[in-house]
Amino acid sequence: MNEDHADSACDHYHRYREDVALMKEMGLQAYRFSLSWPRIIPERGRVNEKGLDFYRRLLDELQKANIIPSATLFHWEVPTWAEGGWENRETALAFGEYAETVFKKLGRDIPYWATHNEPVCTAQLGFLQGHFPPGKSDKGAYANVVHHLNLSHGLAVRAFRESGLKGEIGWVQALNPFRPATENPADVRHAENLNALQSGIFLDPAAGRGYPEFFYEFAGKPSGFRESDLKTIAEPVDFLGVNHYFPSYARYAPGSGLFDNDGSMPAESWVSDFRWKIDSTALYDLLVSLQKNYNFKHMFITENGTCTRDSFRTLEQTLEDDVRVHYLGHYLAAVRQAMSEGVRVSGYFAWSLLDNFEWAQGFDPRFGLVHVDFKTQKRTLKRSAHWYKEVIAKKGFDLEELPKSPTYRKVEEVAPRK
């Protein structure tokens, strides 16, 4: 978008020491990052030690700062040598090999591992909605991709268990559950179906329940499916990573888009600059539901945050980000409420530390606690970073002291994202 490209982005590759120093200054106790499969395995069967060296340097720096590393194996980078990508079963098998290699090379220095980040985005945005590469809209391809992502996850978990490493492994799901827009039974049922496509297609088979029936109804059975795969996919995990930003809405409207859904949110909803609804009760409801329905050993909030957009705000407004302070405060309070009722949440990662390249949207939306000038790469702590630092130091905050009039927007003020 806007001819932005990610050649440098926030240049963490060269500035990781500076960035770790910022983490230490803010009092962060853990750092979640992703590994680049193409960098580490430039050809199937060949390991790029120089690519691994970057992560070794980063891990050394984190250790000096007493910051716990948490690594994700896949955050949407598929090697060009993986012919057919996730449509091809062979890619899942190659992913298992990659995981085994990384565990051998880096496993002793990383206590927490995730196999995938938001596989629903890989499957839906890339193979149904065409927003992400390879830009397809093909239900059959989507079904195969879902299955191969699940299979690759199970193979990686199995490789971790066989490695004998002492750490923990799980995976990270994008979970913005659908609420029925009305009490109409059609809308209630539609919300259930859409949740099956968003989360059930991954959480259910991983829990040993197989695929939701609506997945087959919607996309058909994956052509590469083998019954024995389900046992591999159901390899037990140690935790679930929860990425959550907003609630979604289900109103059954046949012929309305790919999912027969008029997802209009309630009138006069408060939204972010990205048109994401602000409602911290959705995170509380989600955590309670996950514990009740899946009973994970424990969970991490692996992404949660909001953005401002350069196209909407001045630099001063971006740095004095009352919306982010308000958002993080209320969502943290929702996590705290869930924990007080017995939900097992072991950690929270704000998204994100730095402003960065936001996939199809480029540099305009800023999610960071730390502002990045993408021309000079200068880092500047926003108001939210100072607030977050204080929260960590005090181990808490007063909800009543959050900004009283955050500059959110009404839904009608922000056009739907293309």
Protein backbone atom coordinates (compact mmCIF):
# COMPACT_ATOMS: atom_id res chain seq x y z
CA MET A 1 0.00 0.00 0.00
CA ASN A 2 1.27 3.52 -0.82
CA GLU A 3 4.27 1.82 -2.48
CA ASP A 4 5.56 0.92 1.00
CA HIS A 5 7.83 -2.12 1.18
CA ALA A 6 9.37 -4.14 3.98
CA ASP A 7 12.98 -4.18 2.81
CA SER A 8 14.03 -2.42 6.03
CA ALA A 9 10.79 -1.91 7.98
CA CYS A 10 11.91 -1.14 11.56
CA ASP A 11 15.37 -2.59 10.80
CA HIS A 12 15.40 -4.79 13.89
CA TYR A 13 17.96 -7.01 12.12
CA HIS A 14 20.64 -4.31 12.50
CA ARG A 15 19.25 -2.53 15.56
CA TYR A 16 18.38 -5.45 17.81
CA ARG A 17 20.85 -4.34 20.49
CA GLU A 18 19.20 -0.92 20.65
CA ASP A 19 15.79 -2.58 20.73
CA VAL A 20 16.73 -4.99 23.53
CA ALA A 21 18.04 -2.00 25.48
CA LEU A 22 14.62 -0.38 25.05
CA MET A 23 12.96 -3.56 26.32
CA LYS A 24 15.19 -3.54 29.38
CA GLU A 25 14.50 0.15 29.99
CA MET A 26 10.76 -0.57 29.89
CA GLY A 27 11.13 -3.50 32.27
CA LEU A 28 9.85 -6.12 29.82
CA GLN A 29 10.28 -9.64 31.14
CA ALA A 30 9.83 -11.55 27.88
CA TYR A 31 10.16 -10.94 24.16
CA ARG A 32 8.15 -12.74 21.52
CA PHE A 33 9.66 -12.91 18.05
CA SER A 34 9.41 -15.09 14.94
CA LEU A 35 11.99 -17.04 13.00
CA SER A 36 12.36 -16.82 9.23
CA TRP A 37 12.06 -20.27 7.66
CA PRO A 38 13.47 -19.12 4.26
CA ARG A 39 16.46 -17.48 5.95
CA ILE A 40 17.32 -20.58 7.98
CA ILE A 41 16.57 -23.18 5.28
CA PRO A 42 17.31 -21.51 1.89
CA GLU A 43 17.08 -24.91 0.18
CA ARG A 44 15.41 -28.03 1.51
CA GLY A 45 18.02 -29.99 3.43
CA ARG A 46 20.53 -27.12 3.64
CA VAL A 47 20.95 -25.05 6.80
CA ASN A 48 22.14 -21.45 6.59
CA GLU A 49 24.32 -21.02 9.67
CA LYS A 50 24.71 -17.28 9.00
CA GLY A 51 20.94 -16.96 9.15
CA LEU A 52 20.93 -18.74 12.50
CA ASP A 53 23.72 -16.51 13.75
CA PHE A 54 21.38 -13.50 13.87
CA TYR A 55 19.11 -15.33 16.28
CA ARG A 56 22.08 -16.45 18.35
CA ARG A 57 23.19 -12.82 18.68
CA LEU A 58 19.66 -11.77 19.60
CA LEU A 59 19.39 -14.53 22.21
CA ASP A 60 22.73 -13.54 23.73
CA GLU A 61 21.53 -9.95 24.04
CA LEU A 62 18.24 -11.02 25.62
CA GLN A 63 20.08 -13.22 28.10
CA LYS A 64 22.29 -10.29 29.16
CA ALA A 65 19.13 -8.23 29.76
CA ASN A 66 17.39 -11.07 31.68
CA ILE A 67 14.56 -11.12 29.14
CA ILE A 68 12.93 -14.49 28.39
CA PRO A 69 12.78 -15.37 24.65
CA SER A 70 9.61 -16.80 23.13
CA ALA A 71 10.00 -17.90 19.50
CA THR A 72 7.46 -18.65 16.78
CA LEU A 73 8.49 -20.96 13.95
CA PHE A 74 6.17 -19.59 11.26
CA HIS A 75 4.84 -16.09 10.76
CA TRP A 76 3.69 -16.30 7.13
CA GLU A 77 7.07 -16.67 5.33
CA VAL A 78 7.07 -19.69 3.00
CA PRO A 79 10.34 -20.61 1.23
CA THR A 80 10.21 -20.19 -2.54
CA TRP A 81 11.55 -23.72 -2.91
CA ALA A 82 8.40 -25.14 -1.27
CA GLU A 83 6.57 -25.84 -4.52
CA GLY A 84 2.84 -25.33 -4.17
CA GLY A 85 3.23 -23.81 -0.72
CA TRP A 86 0.70 -24.94 1.86
CA GLU A 87 -1.49 -26.50 -0.81
CA ASN A 88 1.16 -29.21 -1.06
CA ARG A 89 1.39 -31.87 1.65
CA GLU A 90 5.15 -31.93 1.13
CA THR A 91 5.39 -28.41 2.60
CA ALA A 92 3.98 -29.73 5.89
CA LEU A 93 6.58 -32.49 5.94
CA ALA A 94 9.35 -29.98 5.17
CA PHE A 95 8.10 -27.80 8.02
CA GLY A 96 8.57 -30.71 10.41
CA GLU A 97 12.17 -31.04 9.20
CA TYR A 98 12.72 -27.29 9.68
CA ALA A 99 11.33 -27.47 13.22
CA GLU A 100 13.60 -30.37 14.09
CA THR A 101 16.63 -28.43 12.80
CA VAL A 102 15.78 -25.29 14.75
CA PHE A 103 15.19 -27.22 17.97
CA LYS A 104 18.65 -28.78 17.62
CA LYS A 105 20.32 -25.45 16.86
CA LEU A 106 18.52 -23.07 19.24
CA GLY A 107 16.38 -25.20 21.51
CA ARG A 108 18.52 -24.99 24.63
CA ASP A 109 18.32 -21.19 24.67
CA ILE A 110 14.56 -20.75 24.10
CA PRO A 111 12.12 -21.96 26.77
CA TYR A 112 8.88 -21.15 24.91
CA TRP A 113 8.03 -22.15 21.35
CA ALA A 114 5.01 -21.64 19.11
CA THR A 115 4.59 -23.53 15.86
CA HIS A 116 2.39 -21.09 13.91
CA ASN A 117 1.21 -17.52 14.23
CA GLU A 118 -2.43 -17.11 13.21
CA PRO A 119 -2.85 -19.98 10.74
CA VAL A 120 -6.38 -18.78 10.01
CA CYS A 121 -4.86 -15.70 8.35
CA THR A 122 -2.59 -17.83 6.19
CA ALA A 123 -5.56 -19.95 5.09
CA GLN A 124 -8.38 -17.43 4.79
CA LEU A 125 -6.59 -14.26 3.71
CA GLY A 126 -4.34 -16.09 1.28
CA PHE A 127 -6.61 -18.75 -0.21
CA LEU A 128 -10.20 -17.55 0.29
CA GLN A 129 -10.25 -13.75 0.41
CA GLY A 130 -7.20 -13.04 -1.71
CA HIS A 131 -5.82 -10.28 0.53
CA PHE A 132 -2.49 -12.02 1.23
CA PRO A 133 -0.25 -14.04 -1.10
CA PRO A 134 -0.94 -16.04 -3.15
CA GLY A 135 -4.17 -14.05 -3.56
CA LYS A 136 -6.52 -16.96 -4.26
CA SER A 137 -10.23 -17.52 -3.72
CA ASP A 138 -10.51 -21.29 -3.93
CA LYS A 139 -12.37 -23.33 -1.32
CA GLY A 140 -10.65 -26.56 -2.30
CA ALA A 141 -7.21 -24.99 -1.97
CA TYR A 142 -8.29 -23.46 1.35
CA ALA A 143 -9.36 -26.87 2.70
CA ASN A 144 -6.00 -28.39 1.80
CA VAL A 145 -4.09 -25.46 3.30
CA VAL A 146 -5.99 -25.73 6.59
CA HIS A 147 -5.19 -29.42 6.81
CA HIS A 148 -1.52 -29.03 5.92
CA LEU A 149 -1.08 -26.21 8.43
CA ASN A 150 -2.58 -28.47 11.10
CA LEU A 151 -0.41 -31.39 10.05
CA SER A 152 2.74 -29.26 10.08
CA HIS A 153 1.87 -28.07 13.59
CA GLY A 154 1.50 -31.64 14.83
CA LEU A 155 4.78 -32.69 13.19
CA ALA A 156 6.60 -29.78 14.84
CA VAL A 157 5.15 -30.59 18.28
CA ARG A 158 6.19 -34.21 17.82
CA ALA A 159 9.72 -33.13 16.84
CA PHE A 160 9.88 -30.98 19.97
CA ARG A 161 8.86 -33.88 22.21
CA GLU A 162 11.40 -36.17 20.56
CA SER A 163 14.14 -33.57 21.02
CA GLY A 164 13.97 -33.95 24.80
CA LEU A 165 14.04 -30.18 25.35
CA LYS A 166 12.78 -28.92 28.69
CA GLY A 167 10.77 -25.95 27.43
CA GLU A 168 7.15 -25.63 26.37
CA ILE A 169 5.47 -25.63 22.98
CA GLY A 170 2.09 -24.43 21.77
CA TRP A 171 0.72 -22.35 18.95
CA VAL A 172 -0.81 -18.92 18.44
CA GLN A 173 -4.33 -18.41 17.14
CA ALA A 174 -6.12 -15.27 15.92
CA LEU A 175 -9.30 -15.31 17.98
CA ASN A 176 -11.83 -12.54 17.39
CA PRO A 177 -15.00 -14.53 18.07
CA PHE A 178 -18.24 -13.88 16.23
CA ARG A 179 -21.20 -12.71 18.24
CA PRO A 180 -24.70 -13.04 16.77
CA ALA A 181 -25.85 -9.60 15.67
CA THR A 182 -29.41 -10.41 16.85
CA GLU A 183 -31.18 -13.11 18.84
CA ASN A 184 -32.57 -14.53 15.61
CA PRO A 185 -31.81 -18.29 15.59
CA ALA A 186 -30.34 -17.93 12.09
CA ASP A 187 -27.82 -15.39 13.35
CA VAL A 188 -27.00 -17.49 16.41
CA ARG A 189 -26.35 -20.52 14.24
CA HIS A 190 -24.37 -18.45 11.76
CA ALA A 191 -22.11 -17.17 14.54
CA GLU A 192 -21.43 -20.78 15.55
CA ASN A 193 -20.58 -21.68 11.96
CA LEU A 194 -18.26 -18.72 11.47
CA ASN A 195 -16.48 -19.47 14.74
CA ALA A 196 -15.99 -23.01 13.47
CA LEU A 197 -14.22 -21.57 10.42
CA GLN A 198 -12.18 -19.10 12.45
CA SER A 199 -11.02 -21.18 15.38
CA GLY A 200 -12.68 -24.61 15.36
CA ILE A 201 -10.77 -25.74 12.26
CA PHE A 202 -7.57 -25.55 14.32
CA LEU A 203 -8.53 -25.93 17.96
CA ASP A 204 -10.88 -28.89 17.48
CA PRO A 205 -8.52 -31.25 15.59
CA ALA A 206 -5.67 -30.26 17.93
CA ALA A 207 -7.91 -31.29 20.83
CA GLY A 208 -8.56 -34.67 19.21
CA ARG A 209 -12.11 -33.84 18.10
CA GLY A 210 -11.53 -33.84 14.34
CA TYR A 211 -12.74 -31.08 12.05
CA PRO A 212 -16.03 -29.24 12.62
CA GLU A 213 -18.80 -30.45 10.33
CA PHE A 214 -19.34 -26.95 8.98
CA PHE A 215 -15.76 -26.92 7.66
CA TYR A 216 -16.62 -29.84 5.39
CA GLU A 217 -19.96 -28.27 4.48
CA PHE A 218 -18.27 -25.00 3.55
CA ALA A 219 -15.10 -26.19 1.80
CA GLY A 220 -15.33 -29.94 1.34
CA LYS A 221 -12.92 -32.54 2.69
CA PRO A 222 -9.23 -31.82 2.07
CA SER A 223 -8.04 -33.91 -0.86
CA GLY A 224 -4.82 -34.75 0.96
CA PHE A 225 -6.57 -35.89 4.13
CA ARG A 226 -5.46 -39.13 5.76
CA GLU A 227 -7.20 -40.50 8.84
CA SER A 228 -3.82 -41.09 10.51
CA ASP A 229 -3.08 -37.36 10.26
CA LEU A 230 -5.57 -36.64 13.03
CA LYS A 231 -3.40 -38.41 15.58
CA THR A 232 -0.40 -36.32 14.56
CA ILE A 233 -2.40 -33.09 14.66
CA ALA A 234 -3.61 -33.92 18.18
CA GLU A 235 -0.11 -34.05 19.70
CA PRO A 236 -0.68 -32.40 23.11
CA VAL A 237 0.52 -28.81 23.52
CA ASP A 238 1.63 -27.01 26.65
CA PHE A 239 -0.15 -23.71 26.04
CA LEU A 240 -2.34 -21.71 23.69
CA GLY A 241 -1.27 -18.29 22.47
CA VAL A 242 -4.26 -15.96 22.14
CA ASN A 243 -4.12 -13.09 19.65
CA HIS A 244 -7.16 -10.90 20.18
CA TYR A 245 -8.10 -7.39 19.10
CA PHE A 246 -11.88 -7.06 18.66
CA PRO A 247 -15.19 -8.95 18.55
CA SER A 248 -16.74 -9.90 15.20
CA TYR A 249 -20.44 -9.97 14.33
CA ALA A 250 -22.57 -12.52 12.51
CA ARG A 251 -25.78 -11.63 10.70
CA TYR A 252 -26.88 -14.35 8.28
CA ALA A 253 -27.35 -12.78 4.86
CA PRO A 254 -27.22 -15.32 2.02
CA GLY A 255 -25.23 -13.98 -0.92
CA SER A 256 -23.48 -11.34 1.20
CA GLY A 257 -19.82 -11.96 0.51
CA LEU A 258 -17.93 -15.21 0.74
CA PHE A 259 -19.35 -16.11 4.16
CA ASP A 260 -23.01 -15.06 3.69
CA ASN A 261 -22.40 -12.56 6.44
CA ASP A 262 -23.47 -8.98 6.94
CA GLY A 263 -20.96 -8.32 9.69
CA SER A 264 -22.14 -4.82 10.52
CA MET A 265 -21.24 -3.94 14.08
CA PRO A 266 -23.73 -2.16 16.36
CA ALA A 267 -24.52 1.43 15.41
CA GLU A 268 -22.33 4.10 17.01
CA SER A 269 -19.68 1.58 18.03
CA TRP A 270 -16.36 3.03 19.12
CA VAL A 271 -13.58 1.81 16.85
CA SER A 272 -9.85 2.21 16.30
CA ASP A 273 -8.32 3.98 13.31
CA PHE A 274 -8.31 0.50 11.73
CA ARG A 275 -12.09 0.22 12.19
CA TRP A 276 -11.71 -2.49 14.82
CA LYS A 277 -14.37 -2.34 17.53
CA ILE A 278 -13.22 -1.46 21.04
CA ASP A 279 -14.82 -3.81 23.57
CA SER A 280 -12.67 -5.37 26.29
CA THR A 281 -15.52 -7.62 27.44
CA ALA A 282 -14.90 -9.66 24.30
CA LEU A 283 -11.46 -10.70 25.57
CA TYR A 284 -12.88 -11.69 28.96
CA ASP A 285 -15.62 -13.74 27.29
CA LEU A 286 -13.09 -15.38 25.00
CA LEU A 287 -10.74 -16.46 27.79
CA VAL A 288 -13.58 -17.88 29.88
CA SER A 289 -14.90 -19.77 26.85
CA LEU A 290 -11.51 -21.20 25.91
CA GLN A 291 -10.92 -22.51 29.40
CA LYS A 292 -14.39 -24.03 29.58
CA ASN A 293 -14.36 -25.64 26.13
CA TYR A 294 -10.70 -26.69 25.74
CA ASN A 295 -9.17 -26.58 29.23
CA PHE A 296 -5.64 -25.70 28.11
CA LYS A 297 -2.88 -26.15 30.68
CA HIS A 298 -2.40 -22.42 30.45
CA MET A 299 -2.62 -19.54 27.98
CA PHE A 300 -0.63 -16.49 27.00
CA ILE A 301 -2.08 -13.34 25.51
CA THR A 302 0.41 -13.27 22.64
CA GLU A 303 -1.02 -10.24 20.82
CA ASN A 304 -3.34 -7.49 21.98
CA GLY A 305 -3.29 -3.84 21.06
CA THR A 306 -4.64 -1.07 18.88
CA CYS A 307 -3.32 1.24 16.22
CA THR A 308 -3.23 4.87 15.20
CA ARG A 309 -2.85 5.93 11.57
CA ASP A 310 -0.54 8.59 10.21
CA SER A 311 -3.25 9.47 7.69
CA PHE A 312 -5.59 10.39 10.56
CA ARG A 313 -3.30 11.94 13.17
CA THR A 314 -0.45 14.39 13.64
CA LEU A 315 2.91 13.25 14.99
CA GLU A 316 2.10 14.87 18.33
CA GLN A 317 -1.20 12.95 18.55
CA THR A 318 0.60 9.74 17.61
CA LEU A 319 3.14 10.16 20.42
CA GLU A 320 0.50 11.25 22.96
CA ASP A 321 -1.46 8.07 22.30
CA ASP A 322 -4.22 8.20 24.89
CA VAL A 323 -6.20 5.65 22.86
CA ARG A 324 -3.52 3.01 23.35
CA VAL A 325 -3.20 3.67 27.07
CA HIS A 326 -6.99 3.45 27.46
CA TYR A 327 -7.22 0.32 25.29
CA LEU A 328 -4.39 -1.58 26.98
CA GLY A 329 -5.64 -0.64 30.43
CA HIS A 330 -9.16 -1.91 29.86
CA TYR A 331 -8.04 -5.08 28.08
CA LEU A 332 -5.52 -5.85 30.82
CA ALA A 333 -8.33 -5.37 33.33
CA ALA A 334 -10.40 -7.93 31.38
CA VAL A 335 -7.51 -10.42 31.59
CA ARG A 336 -7.17 -9.76 35.30
CA GLN A 337 -10.90 -10.37 35.82
CA ALA A 338 -10.72 -13.68 33.96
CA MET A 339 -7.69 -14.75 36.01
CA SER A 340 -9.48 -13.85 39.25
CA GLU A 341 -12.18 -16.33 38.22
CA GLY A 342 -9.73 -19.15 37.68
CA VAL A 343 -8.75 -18.77 34.02
CA ARG A 344 -5.12 -19.83 33.62
CA VAL A 345 -3.31 -16.97 31.87
CA SER A 346 0.44 -16.93 32.43
CA GLY A 347 1.57 -13.86 30.52
CA TYR A 348 0.67 -10.92 28.32
CA PHE A 349 2.45 -9.55 25.24
CA ALA A 350 1.28 -6.18 23.91
CA TRP A 351 1.26 -5.83 20.14
CA SER A 352 3.62 -4.39 19.46
CA LEU A 353 6.89 -3.14 20.84
CA LEU A 354 7.76 -1.15 17.70
CA ASP A 355 5.82 0.42 14.89
CA ASN A 356 6.41 -1.84 11.91
CA PHE A 357 5.37 -2.83 8.40
CA GLU A 358 1.74 -3.90 8.65
CA TRP A 359 1.49 -6.42 5.82
CA ALA A 360 -1.02 -5.25 3.19
CA GLN A 361 -1.40 -1.84 4.88
CA GLY A 362 2.23 -0.70 4.88
CA PHE A 363 3.49 1.87 7.40
CA ASP A 364 0.33 3.96 7.83
CA PRO A 365 -1.11 2.01 10.80
CA ARG A 366 1.11 2.12 13.88
CA PHE A 367 0.67 -0.53 16.56
CA GLY A 368 3.87 0.14 18.51
CA LEU A 369 4.45 1.31 22.03
CA VAL A 370 7.60 2.81 20.54
CA HIS A 371 7.40 5.20 17.59
CA VAL A 372 9.71 4.50 14.67
CA ASP A 373 10.68 7.18 12.17
CA PHE A 374 11.03 4.93 9.15
CA LYS A 375 13.32 7.40 7.36
CA THR A 376 15.86 7.78 10.18
CA GLN A 377 14.97 4.65 12.24
CA LYS A 378 14.88 6.83 15.37
CA ARG A 379 12.98 5.19 18.24
CA THR A 380 10.82 7.34 20.55
CA LEU A 381 8.81 6.02 23.49
CA LYS A 382 5.15 7.00 23.17
CA ARG A 383 3.00 7.89 26.15
CA SER A 384 1.79 4.28 26.15
CA ALA A 385 5.35 2.98 26.52
CA HIS A 386 5.92 5.15 29.59
CA TRP A 387 2.57 4.01 31.02
CA TYR A 388 3.36 0.35 30.32
CA LYS A 389 6.77 0.72 31.96
CA GLU A 390 5.09 2.09 35.09
CA VAL A 391 2.52 -0.72 35.12
CA ILE A 392 5.31 -3.31 35.04
CA ALA A 393 7.27 -1.56 37.79
CA LYS A 394 4.23 -1.22 40.05
CA LYS A 395 2.76 -4.61 39.06
CA GLY A 396 -0.57 -2.97 38.41
CA PHE A 397 -2.49 0.22 37.70
CA ASP A 398 -5.61 2.12 38.72
CA LEU A 399 -8.34 1.74 36.12
CA GLU A 400 -9.82 5.06 37.22
CA GLU A 401 -6.63 6.89 36.24
CA LEU A 402 -6.81 5.91 32.56
CA PRO A 403 -7.56 8.68 30.02
CA LYS A 404 -11.19 9.76 30.34
CA SER A 405 -11.84 10.84 26.75
CA PRO A 406 -9.70 8.71 24.44
CA THR A 407 -9.81 9.83 20.82
CA TYR A 408 -11.47 6.75 19.39
CA ARG A 409 -13.75 7.12 16.40
CA LYS A 410 -17.37 6.23 15.73
CA VAL A 411 -17.77 3.40 13.24
CA GLU A 412 -19.47 5.64 10.71
CA GLU A 413 -16.42 7.94 10.68
CA VAL A 414 -14.05 5.27 9.38
CA ALA A 415 -14.57 3.64 6.00
CA PRO A 416 -14.34 -0.15 5.84
CA ARG A 417 -10.86 -1.40 5.01
CA LYS A 418 -10.46 -2.67 1.48
